[in-house]
Amino acid sequence: LENPHAYIDSNIVGFMNVLEGCRHNAAGHLVYA
């Protein structure tokens, strides 16, 4: 409620980077919180 942009940066942009890393480098399984 105080710092919404921190959640977009880490939880959305950061997760996108993880997904792309897994996609392009053949990670066998992604488990996420």
PDB file of all heavy atoms in Angstrom:
ATOM      1  N   LEU A   1       0.821  -1.203   0.000  1.00  0.00           N
ATOM      2  CA  LEU A   1       0.000   0.000   0.000  1.00  0.00           C
ATOM      3  C   LEU A   1       0.859   1.259   0.000  1.00  0.00           C
ATOM      4  O   LEU A   1       0.412   2.323  -0.435  1.00  0.00           O
ATOM      5  CB  LEU A   1      -0.932   0.024   1.218  1.00  0.00           C
ATOM      6  CG  LEU A   1      -2.238  -0.773   1.120  1.00  0.00           C
ATOM      7  CD1 LEU A   1      -1.969  -2.270   1.045  1.00  0.00           C
ATOM      8  CD2 LEU A   1      -3.137  -0.466   2.318  1.00  0.00           C
ATOM      9  N   GLU A   2       2.108   1.118   0.494  1.00  0.00           N
ATOM     10  CA  GLU A   2       2.998   2.267   0.608  1.00  0.00           C
ATOM     11  C   GLU A   2       3.918   2.434  -0.600  1.00  0.00           C
ATOM     12  O   GLU A   2       4.231   3.547  -0.995  1.00  0.00           O
ATOM     13  CB  GLU A   2       3.866   2.119   1.866  1.00  0.00           C
ATOM     14  CG  GLU A   2       3.095   1.979   3.165  1.00  0.00           C
ATOM     15  CD  GLU A   2       4.019   1.620   4.315  1.00  0.00           C
ATOM     16  OE1 GLU A   2       5.227   1.907   4.221  1.00  0.00           O
ATOM     17  OE2 GLU A   2       3.535   1.031   5.309  1.00  0.00           O
ATOM     18  N   ASN A   3       4.365   1.341  -1.147  1.00  0.00           N
ATOM     19  CA  ASN A   3       5.365   1.395  -2.222  1.00  0.00           C
ATOM     20  C   ASN A   3       4.999   0.416  -3.336  1.00  0.00           C
ATOM     21  O   ASN A   3       5.688  -0.593  -3.544  1.00  0.00           O
ATOM     22  CB  ASN A   3       6.749   1.079  -1.649  1.00  0.00           C
ATOM     23  CG  ASN A   3       7.863   1.354  -2.643  1.00  0.00           C
ATOM     24  OD1 ASN A   3       7.630   1.787  -3.768  1.00  0.00           O
ATOM     25  ND2 ASN A   3       9.095   1.082  -2.240  1.00  0.00           N
ATOM     26  N   PRO A   4       3.920   0.684  -4.063  1.00  0.00           N
ATOM     27  CA  PRO A   4       3.447  -0.286  -5.069  1.00  0.00           C
ATOM     28  C   PRO A   4       4.444  -0.556  -6.188  1.00  0.00           C
ATOM     29  O   PRO A   4       4.510  -1.668  -6.709  1.00  0.00           O
ATOM     30  CB  PRO A   4       2.166   0.357  -5.605  1.00  0.00           C
ATOM     31  CG  PRO A   4       2.295   1.815  -5.288  1.00  0.00           C
ATOM     32  CD  PRO A   4       3.059   1.881  -4.012  1.00  0.00           C
ATOM     33  N   HIS A   5       5.248   0.442  -6.563  1.00  0.00           N
ATOM     34  CA  HIS A   5       6.171   0.251  -7.685  1.00  0.00           C
ATOM     35  C   HIS A   5       7.205  -0.826  -7.395  1.00  0.00           C
ATOM     36  O   HIS A   5       7.655  -1.525  -8.314  1.00  0.00           O
ATOM     37  CB  HIS A   5       6.859   1.569  -8.032  1.00  0.00           C
ATOM     38  CG  HIS A   5       5.945   2.582  -8.649  1.00  0.00           C
ATOM     39  ND1 HIS A   5       5.495   2.493  -9.946  1.00  0.00           N
ATOM     40  CD2 HIS A   5       5.361   3.693  -8.124  1.00  0.00           C
ATOM     41  CE1 HIS A   5       4.702   3.508 -10.202  1.00  0.00           C
ATOM     42  NE2 HIS A   5       4.590   4.247  -9.115  1.00  0.00           N
ATOM     43  N   ALA A   6       7.581  -0.992  -6.119  1.00  0.00           N
ATOM     44  CA  ALA A   6       8.549  -2.033  -5.763  1.00  0.00           C
ATOM     45  C   ALA A   6       8.022  -3.415  -6.112  1.00  0.00           C
ATOM     46  O   ALA A   6       8.790  -4.322  -6.471  1.00  0.00           O
ATOM     47  CB  ALA A   6       8.872  -1.960  -4.269  1.00  0.00           C
ATOM     48  N   TYR A   7       6.714  -3.592  -6.045  1.00  0.00           N
ATOM     49  CA  TYR A   7       6.096  -4.890  -6.335  1.00  0.00           C
ATOM     50  C   TYR A   7       6.054  -5.178  -7.830  1.00  0.00           C
ATOM     51  O   TYR A   7       6.210  -6.328  -8.253  1.00  0.00           O
ATOM     52  CB  TYR A   7       4.699  -4.954  -5.713  1.00  0.00           C
ATOM     53  CG  TYR A   7       4.778  -5.001  -4.207  1.00  0.00           C
ATOM     54  CD1 TYR A   7       5.056  -3.848  -3.468  1.00  0.00           C
ATOM     55  CD2 TYR A   7       4.634  -6.190  -3.518  1.00  0.00           C
ATOM     56  CE1 TYR A   7       5.182  -3.887  -2.093  1.00  0.00           C
ATOM     57  CE2 TYR A   7       4.752  -6.238  -2.136  1.00  0.00           C
ATOM     58  CZ  TYR A   7       5.029  -5.087  -1.428  1.00  0.00           C
ATOM     59  OH  TYR A   7       5.173  -5.132  -0.066  1.00  0.00           O
ATOM     60  N   ILE A   8       5.858  -4.136  -8.613  1.00  0.00           N
ATOM     61  CA  ILE A   8       5.873  -4.324 -10.069  1.00  0.00           C
ATOM     62  C   ILE A   8       7.301  -4.630 -10.533  1.00  0.00           C
ATOM     63  O   ILE A   8       7.523  -5.555 -11.321  1.00  0.00           O
ATOM     64  CB  ILE A   8       5.322  -3.081 -10.793  1.00  0.00           C
ATOM     65  CG1 ILE A   8       3.878  -2.795 -10.334  1.00  0.00           C
ATOM     66  CG2 ILE A   8       5.384  -3.273 -12.295  1.00  0.00           C
ATOM     67  CD1 ILE A   8       2.910  -3.957 -10.515  1.00  0.00           C
ATOM     68  N   ASP A   9       8.265  -3.894 -10.022  1.00  0.00           N
ATOM     69  CA  ASP A   9       9.661  -4.098 -10.428  1.00  0.00           C
ATOM     70  C   ASP A   9      10.125  -5.512 -10.098  1.00  0.00           C
ATOM     71  O   ASP A   9      10.699  -6.208 -10.940  1.00  0.00           O
ATOM     72  CB  ASP A   9      10.569  -3.078  -9.741  1.00  0.00           C
ATOM     73  CG  ASP A   9      10.315  -1.657 -10.201  1.00  0.00           C
ATOM     74  OD1 ASP A   9       9.691  -1.482 -11.266  1.00  0.00           O
ATOM     75  OD2 ASP A   9      10.727  -0.727  -9.488  1.00  0.00           O
ATOM     76  N   SER A  10       9.921  -5.947  -8.870  1.00  0.00           N
ATOM     77  CA  SER A  10      10.440  -7.242  -8.440  1.00  0.00           C
ATOM     78  C   SER A  10       9.541  -8.392  -8.850  1.00  0.00           C
ATOM     79  O   SER A  10       9.993  -9.370  -9.442  1.00  0.00           O
ATOM     80  CB  SER A  10      10.626  -7.246  -6.919  1.00  0.00           C
ATOM     81  OG  SER A  10      11.173  -8.470  -6.496  1.00  0.00           O
ATOM     82  N   ASN A  11       8.251  -8.283  -8.548  1.00  0.00           N
ATOM     83  CA  ASN A  11       7.356  -9.430  -8.703  1.00  0.00           C
ATOM     84  C   ASN A  11       6.856  -9.637 -10.125  1.00  0.00           C
ATOM     85  O   ASN A  11       6.486 -10.763 -10.483  1.00  0.00           O
ATOM     86  CB  ASN A  11       6.161  -9.288  -7.756  1.00  0.00           C
ATOM     87  CG  ASN A  11       6.580  -9.209  -6.303  1.00  0.00           C
ATOM     88  OD1 ASN A  11       7.762  -9.118  -5.993  1.00  0.00           O
ATOM     89  ND2 ASN A  11       5.623  -9.233  -5.406  1.00  0.00           N
ATOM     90  N   ILE A  12       6.816  -8.584 -10.925  1.00  0.00           N
ATOM     91  CA  ILE A  12       6.368  -8.733 -12.310  1.00  0.00           C
ATOM     92  C   ILE A  12       7.561  -8.718 -13.268  1.00  0.00           C
ATOM     93  O   ILE A  12       7.796  -9.686 -14.001  1.00  0.00           O
ATOM     94  CB  ILE A  12       5.361  -7.627 -12.698  1.00  0.00           C
ATOM     95  CG1 ILE A  12       4.142  -7.660 -11.755  1.00  0.00           C
ATOM     96  CG2 ILE A  12       4.931  -7.808 -14.148  1.00  0.00           C
ATOM     97  CD1 ILE A  12       3.333  -8.927 -11.795  1.00  0.00           C
ATOM     98  N   VAL A  13       8.335  -7.644 -13.256  1.00  0.00           N
ATOM     99  CA  VAL A  13       9.496  -7.557 -14.151  1.00  0.00           C
ATOM    100  C   VAL A  13      10.503  -8.659 -13.811  1.00  0.00           C
ATOM    101  O   VAL A  13      11.017  -9.353 -14.702  1.00  0.00           O
ATOM    102  CB  VAL A  13      10.160  -6.165 -14.064  1.00  0.00           C
ATOM    103  CG1 VAL A  13      11.428  -6.124 -14.903  1.00  0.00           C
ATOM    104  CG2 VAL A  13       9.177  -5.085 -14.519  1.00  0.00           C
ATOM    105  N   GLY A  14      10.773  -8.830 -12.527  1.00  0.00           N
ATOM    106  CA  GLY A  14      11.722  -9.860 -12.112  1.00  0.00           C
ATOM    107  C   GLY A  14      11.273 -11.250 -12.514  1.00  0.00           C
ATOM    108  O   GLY A  14      12.080 -12.067 -12.991  1.00  0.00           O
ATOM    109  N   PHE A  15       9.998 -11.536 -12.353  1.00  0.00           N
ATOM    110  CA  PHE A  15       9.484 -12.864 -12.731  1.00  0.00           C
ATOM    111  C   PHE A  15       9.559 -13.066 -14.243  1.00  0.00           C
ATOM    112  O   PHE A  15       9.855 -14.174 -14.713  1.00  0.00           O
ATOM    113  CB  PHE A  15       8.056 -13.047 -12.228  1.00  0.00           C
ATOM    114  CG  PHE A  15       7.546 -14.456 -12.356  1.00  0.00           C
ATOM    115  CD1 PHE A  15       8.200 -15.496 -11.723  1.00  0.00           C
ATOM    116  CD2 PHE A  15       6.416 -14.743 -13.093  1.00  0.00           C
ATOM    117  CE1 PHE A  15       7.738 -16.813 -11.835  1.00  0.00           C
ATOM    118  CE2 PHE A  15       5.944 -16.043 -13.213  1.00  0.00           C
ATOM    119  CZ  PHE A  15       6.613 -17.077 -12.576  1.00  0.00           C
ATOM    120  N   MET A  16       9.306 -12.022 -14.984  1.00  0.00           N
ATOM    121  CA  MET A  16       9.432 -12.113 -16.438  1.00  0.00           C
ATOM    122  C   MET A  16      10.861 -12.489 -16.833  1.00  0.00           C
ATOM    123  O   MET A  16      11.075 -13.324 -17.729  1.00  0.00           O
ATOM    124  CB  MET A  16       9.057 -10.765 -17.071  1.00  0.00           C
ATOM    125  CG  MET A  16       9.082 -10.761 -18.590  1.00  0.00           C
ATOM    126  SD  MET A  16       7.792 -11.839 -19.243  1.00  0.00           S
ATOM    127  CE  MET A  16       8.250 -11.879 -20.969  1.00  0.00           C
ATOM    128  N   ASN A  17      11.843 -11.895 -16.176  1.00  0.00           N
ATOM    129  CA  ASN A  17      13.244 -12.214 -16.471  1.00  0.00           C
ATOM    130  C   ASN A  17      13.571 -13.671 -16.157  1.00  0.00           C
ATOM    131  O   ASN A  17      14.347 -14.315 -16.875  1.00  0.00           O
ATOM    132  CB  ASN A  17      14.173 -11.274 -15.699  1.00  0.00           C
ATOM    133  CG  ASN A  17      14.111  -9.844 -16.209  1.00  0.00           C
ATOM    134  OD1 ASN A  17      13.740  -9.597 -17.356  1.00  0.00           O
ATOM    135  ND2 ASN A  17      14.466  -8.897 -15.357  1.00  0.00           N
ATOM    136  N   VAL A  18      12.990 -14.187 -15.084  1.00  0.00           N
ATOM    137  CA  VAL A  18      13.195 -15.594 -14.732  1.00  0.00           C
ATOM    138  C   VAL A  18      12.556 -16.501 -15.779  1.00  0.00           C
ATOM    139  O   VAL A  18      13.165 -17.492 -16.220  1.00  0.00           O
ATOM    140  CB  VAL A  18      12.642 -15.893 -13.324  1.00  0.00           C
ATOM    141  CG1 VAL A  18      12.626 -17.398 -13.043  1.00  0.00           C
ATOM    142  CG2 VAL A  18      13.462 -15.170 -12.264  1.00  0.00           C
ATOM    143  N   LEU A  19      11.339 -16.192 -16.171  1.00  0.00           N
ATOM    144  CA  LEU A  19      10.668 -16.996 -17.198  1.00  0.00           C
ATOM    145  C   LEU A  19      11.463 -17.018 -18.497  1.00  0.00           C
ATOM    146  O   LEU A  19      11.647 -18.078 -19.123  1.00  0.00           O
ATOM    147  CB  LEU A  19       9.267 -16.447 -17.465  1.00  0.00           C
ATOM    148  CG  LEU A  19       8.203 -16.715 -16.411  1.00  0.00           C
ATOM    149  CD1 LEU A  19       6.951 -15.894 -16.712  1.00  0.00           C
ATOM    150  CD2 LEU A  19       7.856 -18.199 -16.333  1.00  0.00           C
ATOM    151  N   GLU A  20      11.940 -15.862 -18.912  1.00  0.00           N
ATOM    152  CA  GLU A  20      12.717 -15.788 -20.150  1.00  0.00           C
ATOM    153  C   GLU A  20      14.030 -16.553 -20.028  1.00  0.00           C
ATOM    154  O   GLU A  20      14.465 -17.234 -20.966  1.00  0.00           O
ATOM    155  CB  GLU A  20      12.986 -14.332 -20.511  1.00  0.00           C
ATOM    156  CG  GLU A  20      11.819 -13.647 -21.202  1.00  0.00           C
ATOM    157  CD  GLU A  20      11.662 -14.139 -22.635  1.00  0.00           C
ATOM    158  OE1 GLU A  20      12.361 -13.619 -23.522  1.00  0.00           O
ATOM    159  OE2 GLU A  20      10.841 -15.059 -22.855  1.00  0.00           O
ATOM    160  N   GLY A  21      14.665 -16.472 -18.858  1.00  0.00           N
ATOM    161  CA  GLY A  21      15.895 -17.215 -18.647  1.00  0.00           C
ATOM    162  C   GLY A  21      15.669 -18.712 -18.744  1.00  0.00           C
ATOM    163  O   GLY A  21      16.454 -19.448 -19.367  1.00  0.00           O
ATOM    164  N   CYS A  22      14.577 -19.185 -18.145  1.00  0.00           N
ATOM    165  CA  CYS A  22      14.242 -20.612 -18.211  1.00  0.00           C
ATOM    166  C   CYS A  22      13.922 -21.025 -19.637  1.00  0.00           C
ATOM    167  O   CYS A  22      14.363 -22.080 -20.115  1.00  0.00           O
ATOM    168  CB  CYS A  22      13.049 -20.904 -17.304  1.00  0.00           C
ATOM    169  SG  CYS A  22      13.382 -20.780 -15.536  1.00  0.00           S
ATOM    170  N   ARG A  23      13.165 -20.200 -20.327  1.00  0.00           N
ATOM    171  CA  ARG A  23      12.753 -20.516 -21.699  1.00  0.00           C
ATOM    172  C   ARG A  23      13.950 -20.657 -22.638  1.00  0.00           C
ATOM    173  O   ARG A  23      14.038 -21.620 -23.407  1.00  0.00           O
ATOM    174  CB  ARG A  23      11.811 -19.428 -22.200  1.00  0.00           C
ATOM    175  CG  ARG A  23      11.502 -19.495 -23.686  1.00  0.00           C
ATOM    176  CD  ARG A  23      10.945 -18.175 -24.185  1.00  0.00           C
ATOM    177  NE  ARG A  23      10.860 -18.166 -25.647  1.00  0.00           N
ATOM    178  CZ  ARG A  23      10.636 -17.080 -26.380  1.00  0.00           C
ATOM    179  NH1 ARG A  23      10.483 -15.913 -25.776  1.00  0.00           N
ATOM    180  NH2 ARG A  23      10.570 -17.156 -27.687  1.00  0.00           N
ATOM    181  N   HIS A  24      14.847 -19.715 -22.587  1.00  0.00           N
ATOM    182  CA  HIS A  24      15.935 -19.675 -23.578  1.00  0.00           C
ATOM    183  C   HIS A  24      17.112 -20.576 -23.218  1.00  0.00           C
ATOM    184  O   HIS A  24      18.009 -20.761 -24.042  1.00  0.00           O
ATOM    185  CB  HIS A  24      16.425 -18.234 -23.746  1.00  0.00           C
ATOM    186  CG  HIS A  24      15.453 -17.351 -24.459  1.00  0.00           C
ATOM    187  ND1 HIS A  24      15.132 -17.519 -25.793  1.00  0.00           N
ATOM    188  CD2 HIS A  24      14.705 -16.304 -24.018  1.00  0.00           C
ATOM    189  CE1 HIS A  24      14.247 -16.606 -26.145  1.00  0.00           C
ATOM    190  NE2 HIS A  24      13.966 -15.855 -25.093  1.00  0.00           N
ATOM    191  N   ASN A  25      17.098 -21.133 -21.985  1.00  0.00           N
ATOM    192  CA  ASN A  25      18.241 -21.932 -21.559  1.00  0.00           C
ATOM    193  C   ASN A  25      17.839 -23.317 -21.056  1.00  0.00           C
ATOM    194  O   ASN A  25      18.576 -23.954 -20.311  1.00  0.00           O
ATOM    195  CB  ASN A  25      19.035 -21.169 -20.499  1.00  0.00           C
ATOM    196  CG  ASN A  25      19.625 -19.883 -21.048  1.00  0.00           C
ATOM    197  OD1 ASN A  25      20.663 -19.902 -21.703  1.00  0.00           O
ATOM    198  ND2 ASN A  25      18.948 -18.758 -20.800  1.00  0.00           N
ATOM    199  N   ALA A  26      16.669 -23.754 -21.491  1.00  0.00           N
ATOM    200  CA  ALA A  26      16.218 -25.138 -21.304  1.00  0.00           C
ATOM    201  C   ALA A  26      16.226 -25.602 -19.850  1.00  0.00           C
ATOM    202  O   ALA A  26      16.631 -26.739 -19.546  1.00  0.00           O
ATOM    203  CB  ALA A  26      17.064 -26.079 -22.162  1.00  0.00           C
ATOM    204  N   ALA A  27      15.805 -24.734 -18.931  1.00  0.00           N
ATOM    205  CA  ALA A  27      15.645 -25.178 -17.544  1.00  0.00           C
ATOM    206  C   ALA A  27      14.559 -26.248 -17.492  1.00  0.00           C
ATOM    207  O   ALA A  27      13.497 -26.094 -18.097  1.00  0.00           O
ATOM    208  CB  ALA A  27      15.279 -23.998 -16.651  1.00  0.00           C
ATOM    209  N   GLY A  28      14.819 -27.316 -16.765  1.00  0.00           N
ATOM    210  CA  GLY A  28      13.901 -28.443 -16.782  1.00  0.00           C
ATOM    211  C   GLY A  28      12.645 -28.270 -15.959  1.00  0.00           C
ATOM    212  O   GLY A  28      11.637 -28.948 -16.205  1.00  0.00           O
ATOM    213  N   HIS A  29      12.662 -27.369 -14.972  1.00  0.00           N
ATOM    214  CA  HIS A  29      11.496 -27.172 -14.115  1.00  0.00           C
ATOM    215  C   HIS A  29      11.665 -25.868 -13.354  1.00  0.00           C
ATOM    216  O   HIS A  29      12.711 -25.636 -12.739  1.00  0.00           O
ATOM    217  CB  HIS A  29      11.365 -28.334 -13.127  1.00  0.00           C
ATOM    218  CG  HIS A  29      10.074 -28.381 -12.365  1.00  0.00           C
ATOM    219  ND1 HIS A  29       9.900 -29.142 -11.214  1.00  0.00           N
ATOM    220  CD2 HIS A  29       8.878 -27.772 -12.577  1.00  0.00           C
ATOM    221  CE1 HIS A  29       8.663 -29.004 -10.773  1.00  0.00           C
ATOM    222  NE2 HIS A  29       8.021 -28.165 -11.579  1.00  0.00           N
ATOM    223  N   LEU A  30      10.649 -25.029 -13.387  1.00  0.00           N
ATOM    224  CA  LEU A  30      10.616 -23.790 -12.615  1.00  0.00           C
ATOM    225  C   LEU A  30       9.588 -23.933 -11.504  1.00  0.00           C
ATOM    226  O   LEU A  30       8.400 -24.151 -11.772  1.00  0.00           O
ATOM    227  CB  LEU A  30      10.249 -22.598 -13.511  1.00  0.00           C
ATOM    228  CG  LEU A  30       9.871 -21.294 -12.785  1.00  0.00           C
ATOM    229  CD1 LEU A  30      11.031 -20.769 -11.947  1.00  0.00           C
ATOM    230  CD2 LEU A  30       9.398 -20.242 -13.788  1.00  0.00           C
ATOM    231  N   VAL A  31      10.050 -23.830 -10.266  1.00  0.00           N
ATOM    232  CA  VAL A  31       9.166 -23.785  -9.109  1.00  0.00           C
ATOM    233  C   VAL A  31       9.233 -22.367  -8.545  1.00  0.00           C
ATOM    234  O   VAL A  31      10.323 -21.837  -8.343  1.00  0.00           O
ATOM    235  CB  VAL A  31       9.600 -24.805  -8.044  1.00  0.00           C
ATOM    236  CG1 VAL A  31       8.776 -24.638  -6.763  1.00  0.00           C
ATOM    237  CG2 VAL A  31       9.457 -26.223  -8.577  1.00  0.00           C
ATOM    238  N   TYR A  32       8.094 -21.741  -8.326  1.00  0.00           N
ATOM    239  CA  TYR A  32       8.088 -20.338  -7.919  1.00  0.00           C
ATOM    240  C   TYR A  32       7.112 -20.111  -6.770  1.00  0.00           C
ATOM    241  O   TYR A  32       6.152 -20.857  -6.578  1.00  0.00           O
ATOM    242  CB  TYR A  32       7.729 -19.431  -9.098  1.00  0.00           C
ATOM    243  CG  TYR A  32       6.351 -19.679  -9.662  1.00  0.00           C
ATOM    244  CD1 TYR A  32       5.254 -18.933  -9.243  1.00  0.00           C
ATOM    245  CD2 TYR A  32       6.133 -20.674 -10.615  1.00  0.00           C
ATOM    246  CE1 TYR A  32       3.987 -19.168  -9.747  1.00  0.00           C
ATOM    247  CE2 TYR A  32       4.869 -20.917 -11.134  1.00  0.00           C
ATOM    248  CZ  TYR A  32       3.804 -20.166 -10.688  1.00  0.00           C
ATOM    249  OH  TYR A  32       2.540 -20.419 -11.181  1.00  0.00           O
ATOM    250  N   ALA A  33       7.382 -19.068  -6.012  1.00  0.00           N
ATOM    251  CA  ALA A  33       6.559 -18.721  -4.856  1.00  0.00           C
ATOM    252  C   ALA A  33       5.341 -17.929  -5.290  1.00  0.00           C
ATOM    253  O   ALA A  33       5.463 -16.848  -5.856  1.00  0.00           O
ATOM    254  CB  ALA A  33       7.366 -17.901  -3.860  1.00  0.00           C
TER     255      ALA A  33
END
